C-alpha atoms as a PDB file:
ATOM      1  CA  UNK A   1     127.923 118.910  65.856  1.00  0.00           C
ATOM      2  CA  UNK A   2     129.240 115.760  67.543  1.00  0.00           C
ATOM      3  CA  UNK A   3     128.723 115.612  71.309  1.00  0.00           C
ATOM      4  CA  UNK A   4     131.345 113.656  73.257  1.00  0.00           C
ATOM      5  CA  UNK A   5     129.790 110.723  75.157  1.00  0.00           C
ATOM      6  CA  UNK A   6     131.324 111.919  78.440  1.00  0.00           C
ATOM      7  CA  UNK A   7     129.316 115.146  78.291  1.00  0.00           C
ATOM      8  CA  UNK A   8     126.067 113.526  77.132  1.00  0.00           C
ATOM      9  CA  UNK A   9     123.253 113.858  79.710  1.00  0.00           C
ATOM     10  CA  UNK A  10     121.057 110.777  79.212  1.00  0.00           C
ATOM     11  CA  UNK A  11     118.374 112.195  81.498  1.00  0.00           C
ATOM     12  CA  UNK A  12     117.733 115.076  79.104  1.00  0.00           C
ATOM     13  CA  UNK A  13     117.095 112.742  76.141  1.00  0.00           C
ATOM     14  CA  UNK A  14     113.716 111.457  77.449  1.00  0.00           C
ATOM     15  CA  UNK A  15     114.390 107.940  76.203  1.00  0.00           C
ATOM     16  CA  UNK A  16     111.616 105.361  76.008  1.00  0.00           C
ATOM     17  CA  UNK A  17     111.519 101.569  76.213  1.00  0.00           C
ATOM     18  CA  UNK A  18     114.738  99.673  76.789  1.00  0.00           C
ATOM     19  CA  UNK A  19     116.803 102.718  75.784  1.00  0.00           C
ATOM     20  CA  UNK A  20     115.716 104.369  79.047  1.00  0.00           C
ATOM     21  CA  UNK A  21     117.613 101.626  80.906  1.00  0.00           C
ATOM     22  CA  UNK A  22     120.805 103.403  79.872  1.00  0.00           C
ATOM     23  CA  UNK A  23     120.109 105.889  82.687  1.00  0.00           C
ATOM     24  CA  UNK A  24     120.369 103.040  85.191  1.00  0.00           C
ATOM     25  CA  UNK A  25     123.802 101.749  84.118  1.00  0.00           C
ATOM     26  CA  UNK A  26     126.269 101.450  87.009  1.00  0.00           C
ATOM     27  CA  UNK A  27     123.498 102.266  89.512  1.00  0.00           C
ATOM     28  CA  UNK A  28     122.362 100.049  92.386  1.00  0.00           C
ATOM     29  CA  UNK A  29     118.884  98.783  91.542  1.00  0.00           C
ATOM     30  CA  UNK A  30     116.057  96.919  93.203  1.00  0.00           C
ATOM     31  CA  UNK A  31     114.276  94.658  90.709  1.00  0.00           C
ATOM     32  CA  UNK A  32     110.994  92.912  91.492  1.00  0.00           C
ATOM     33  CA  UNK A  33     110.434  89.762  89.441  1.00  0.00           C
ATOM     34  CA  UNK A  34     107.191  88.096  88.326  1.00  0.00           C
ATOM     35  CA  UNK A  35     107.580  85.402  90.985  1.00  0.00           C
ATOM     36  CA  UNK A  36     107.814  88.087  93.683  1.00  0.00           C
ATOM     37  CA  UNK A  37     111.561  87.830  94.291  1.00  0.00           C
ATOM     38  CA  UNK A  38     113.380  91.059  95.057  1.00  0.00           C
ATOM     39  CA  UNK A  39     116.875  91.287  93.553  1.00  0.00           C
ATOM     40  CA  UNK A  40     119.375  94.043  94.393  1.00  0.00           C
ATOM     41  CA  UNK A  41     122.556  94.691  92.464  1.00  0.00           C
ATOM     42  CA  UNK A  42     124.546  97.072  90.293  1.00  0.00           C
ATOM     43  CA  UNK A  43     123.360  97.106  86.676  1.00  0.00           C
ATOM     44  CA  UNK A  44     126.283  96.535  84.328  1.00  0.00           C
ATOM     45  CA  UNK A  45     124.542  95.788  81.034  1.00  0.00           C
ATOM     46  CA  UNK A  46     121.212  95.354  79.243  1.00  0.00           C
ATOM     47  CA  UNK A  47     119.989  94.561  75.744  1.00  0.00           C
ATOM     48  CA  UNK A  48     117.076  95.359  73.429  1.00  0.00           C
ATOM     49  CA  UNK A  49     114.929  92.737  75.199  1.00  0.00           C
ATOM     50  CA  UNK A  50     115.507  94.385  78.603  1.00  0.00           C
ATOM     51  CA  UNK A  51     117.606  91.437  79.757  1.00  0.00           C
ATOM     52  CA  UNK A  52     119.722  92.826  82.585  1.00  0.00           C
ATOM     53  CA  UNK A  53     123.135  91.908  83.983  1.00  0.00           C
ATOM     54  CA  UNK A  54     123.641  92.720  87.677  1.00  0.00           C
ATOM     55  CA  UNK A  55     126.942  92.650  89.523  1.00  0.00           C
ATOM     56  CA  UNK A  56     127.143  91.864  93.255  1.00  0.00           C
ATOM     57  CA  UNK A  57     123.508  90.731  93.117  1.00  0.00           C
ATOM     58  CA  UNK A  58     121.607  89.505  96.168  1.00  0.00           C
ATOM     59  CA  UNK A  59     118.082  88.264  96.659  1.00  0.00           C
ATOM     60  CA  UNK A  60     116.513  90.145  99.552  1.00  0.00           C
ATOM     61  CA  UNK A  61     114.250  87.712 101.364  1.00  0.00           C
ATOM     62  CA  UNK A  62     111.844  89.252 103.879  1.00  0.00           C
ATOM     63  CA  UNK A  63     109.676  87.158 106.196  1.00  0.00           C
ATOM     64  CA  UNK A  64     107.742  89.111 108.793  1.00  0.00           C
ATOM     65  CA  UNK A  65     110.177  91.571 110.375  1.00  0.00           C
ATOM     66  CA  UNK A  66     113.284  89.534 109.468  1.00  0.00           C
ATOM     67  CA  UNK A  67     115.391  89.670 106.334  1.00  0.00           C
ATOM     68  CA  UNK A  68     118.549  88.336 104.779  1.00  0.00           C
ATOM     69  CA  UNK A  69     120.402  89.052 101.551  1.00  0.00           C
ATOM     70  CA  UNK A  70     121.136  85.778  99.743  1.00  0.00           C
ATOM     71  CA  UNK A  71     124.294  86.274  97.625  1.00  0.00           C
ATOM     72  CA  UNK A  72     123.860  85.615  93.892  1.00  0.00           C
ATOM     73  CA  UNK A  73     127.030  87.214  92.459  1.00  0.00           C
ATOM     74  CA  UNK A  74     126.945  88.096  88.753  1.00  0.00           C
ATOM     75  CA  UNK A  75     123.307  87.621  87.785  1.00  0.00           C
ATOM     76  CA  UNK A  76     121.386  87.753  84.499  1.00  0.00           C
ATOM     77  CA  UNK A  77     117.673  88.563  84.590  1.00  0.00           C
ATOM     78  CA  UNK A  78     115.509  87.842  81.585  1.00  0.00           C
ATOM     79  CA  UNK A  79     113.612  91.014  80.655  1.00  0.00           C
ATOM     80  CA  UNK A  80     110.200  89.341  80.487  1.00  0.00           C
ATOM     81  CA  UNK A  81     110.470  88.484  84.199  1.00  0.00           C
ATOM     82  CA  UNK A  82     110.923  92.084  85.363  1.00  0.00           C
ATOM     83  CA  UNK A  83     107.828  93.638  86.924  1.00  0.00           C
ATOM     84  CA  UNK A  84     109.436  96.728  88.451  1.00  0.00           C
ATOM     85  CA  UNK A  85     112.878  98.247  88.779  1.00  0.00           C
ATOM     86  CA  UNK A  86     114.285 101.374  90.319  1.00  0.00           C
ATOM     87  CA  UNK A  87     117.334 102.905  91.910  1.00  0.00           C
ATOM     88  CA  UNK A  88     117.964 102.101  95.552  1.00  0.00           C
ATOM     89  CA  UNK A  89     117.846 105.090  97.894  1.00  0.00           C
ATOM     90  CA  UNK A  90     120.801 104.150 100.113  1.00  0.00           C
ATOM     91  CA  UNK A  91     119.590 106.251 103.083  1.00  0.00           C
ATOM     92  CA  UNK A  92     116.162 104.595 103.063  1.00  0.00           C
ATOM     93  CA  UNK A  93     117.747 101.168 102.576  1.00  0.00           C
ATOM     94  CA  UNK A  94     119.846 101.732 105.719  1.00  0.00           C
ATOM     95  CA  UNK A  95     116.768 102.723 107.730  1.00  0.00           C
ATOM     96  CA  UNK A  96     114.886  99.673 106.451  1.00  0.00           C
ATOM     97  CA  UNK A  97     117.682  97.193 107.106  1.00  0.00           C
ATOM     98  CA  UNK A  98     118.949  98.633 110.403  1.00  0.00           C
ATOM     99  CA  UNK A  99     115.823  99.963 112.106  1.00  0.00           C
ATOM    100  CA  UNK A 100     112.661  98.490 110.602  1.00  0.00           C
ATOM    101  CA  UNK A 101     113.844  94.940 109.945  1.00  0.00           C
ATOM    102  CA  UNK A 102     116.124  92.521 111.786  1.00  0.00           C
ATOM    103  CA  UNK A 103     118.855  90.790 109.803  1.00  0.00           C
ATOM    104  CA  UNK A 104     119.169  87.033 110.259  1.00  0.00           C
ATOM    105  CA  UNK A 105     121.372  84.394 108.645  1.00  0.00           C
ATOM    106  CA  UNK A 106     120.633  83.090 105.154  1.00  0.00           C
ATOM    107  CA  UNK A 107     119.800  79.642 106.585  1.00  0.00           C
ATOM    108  CA  UNK A 108     117.318  81.154 109.058  1.00  0.00           C
ATOM    109  CA  UNK A 109     115.512  83.241 106.428  1.00  0.00           C
ATOM    110  CA  UNK A 110     115.296  80.364 103.950  1.00  0.00           C
ATOM    111  CA  UNK A 111     113.821  78.152 106.662  1.00  0.00           C
ATOM    112  CA  UNK A 112     111.364  80.919 107.635  1.00  0.00           C
ATOM    113  CA  UNK A 113     110.362  81.390 103.962  1.00  0.00           C
ATOM    114  CA  UNK A 114     109.758  77.654 103.540  1.00  0.00           C
ATOM    115  CA  UNK A 115     107.637  77.592 106.720  1.00  0.00           C
ATOM    116  CA  UNK A 116     105.645  80.652 105.609  1.00  0.00           C
ATOM    117  CA  UNK A 117     104.985  79.021 102.210  1.00  0.00           C
ATOM    118  CA  UNK A 118     103.885  75.793 103.897  1.00  0.00           C
ATOM    119  CA  UNK A 119     101.554  77.774 106.202  1.00  0.00           C
ATOM    120  CA  UNK A 120     100.104  79.622 103.183  1.00  0.00           C
ATOM    121  CA  UNK A 121      99.429  76.353 101.340  1.00  0.00           C
ATOM    122  CA  UNK A 122      97.825  74.791 104.419  1.00  0.00           C
ATOM    123  CA  UNK A 123      95.582  77.827 104.882  1.00  0.00           C
ATOM    124  CA  UNK A 124      94.578  77.776 101.183  1.00  0.00           C
ATOM    125  CA  UNK A 125      93.770  74.049 101.347  1.00  0.00           C
ATOM    126  CA  UNK A 126      91.757  74.510 104.532  1.00  0.00           C
ATOM    127  CA  UNK A 127      89.857  77.438 103.030  1.00  0.00           C
ATOM    128  CA  UNK A 128      89.127  75.451  99.842  1.00  0.00           C
ATOM    129  CA  UNK A 129      87.987  72.448 101.893  1.00  0.00           C
ATOM    130  CA  UNK A 130      85.711  74.565 104.088  1.00  0.00           C
ATOM    131  CA  UNK A 131      84.141  76.332 101.106  1.00  0.00           C
ATOM    132  CA  UNK A 132      83.298  72.930  99.564  1.00  0.00           C
ATOM    133  CA  UNK A 133      81.899  71.321 102.718  1.00  0.00           C
ATOM    134  CA  UNK A 134      79.906  74.183 104.201  1.00  0.00           C
ATOM    135  CA  UNK A 135      76.526  74.853 102.607  1.00  0.00           C
ATOM    136  CA  UNK A 136      76.000  78.425 101.451  1.00  0.00           C
ATOM    137  CA  UNK A 137      74.061  80.507 103.953  1.00  0.00           C
ATOM    138  CA  UNK A 138      70.481  81.376 103.012  1.00  0.00           C
ATOM    139  CA  UNK A 139      70.335  85.098 103.768  1.00  0.00           C
ATOM    140  CA  UNK A 140      66.752  85.509 102.554  1.00  0.00           C
ATOM    141  CA  UNK A 141      65.123  83.563 105.395  1.00  0.00           C
END
């Protein structure tokens, strides 16, 4: 018997691998990339390599208690860069963006991210320098 596509329940098929991405078509997703970026958008397409096309994509940048959504538009993500993806719970997203975090302008968040990265590098360099210059403690004496 041929089942019309309109009545096909993809969730009941228990698909594996990239085929399971079919369940996420036309859904708003949060995708975490290997470099730590968080991308939100509506999934419009994917292929056998798990490359994903998002519509109305934004990069959500969070620094401390501030955030901003940097517009990306139509966005293609190479499958090998995806660490995690899942549907966005709109109610929880509203709580996060309206109560837990404070929205700032794109310019402000990009400046804050650059400053945070500079602070992280300075701290790492200082830590590396201190570990080289300080003699190990002799705990046996």
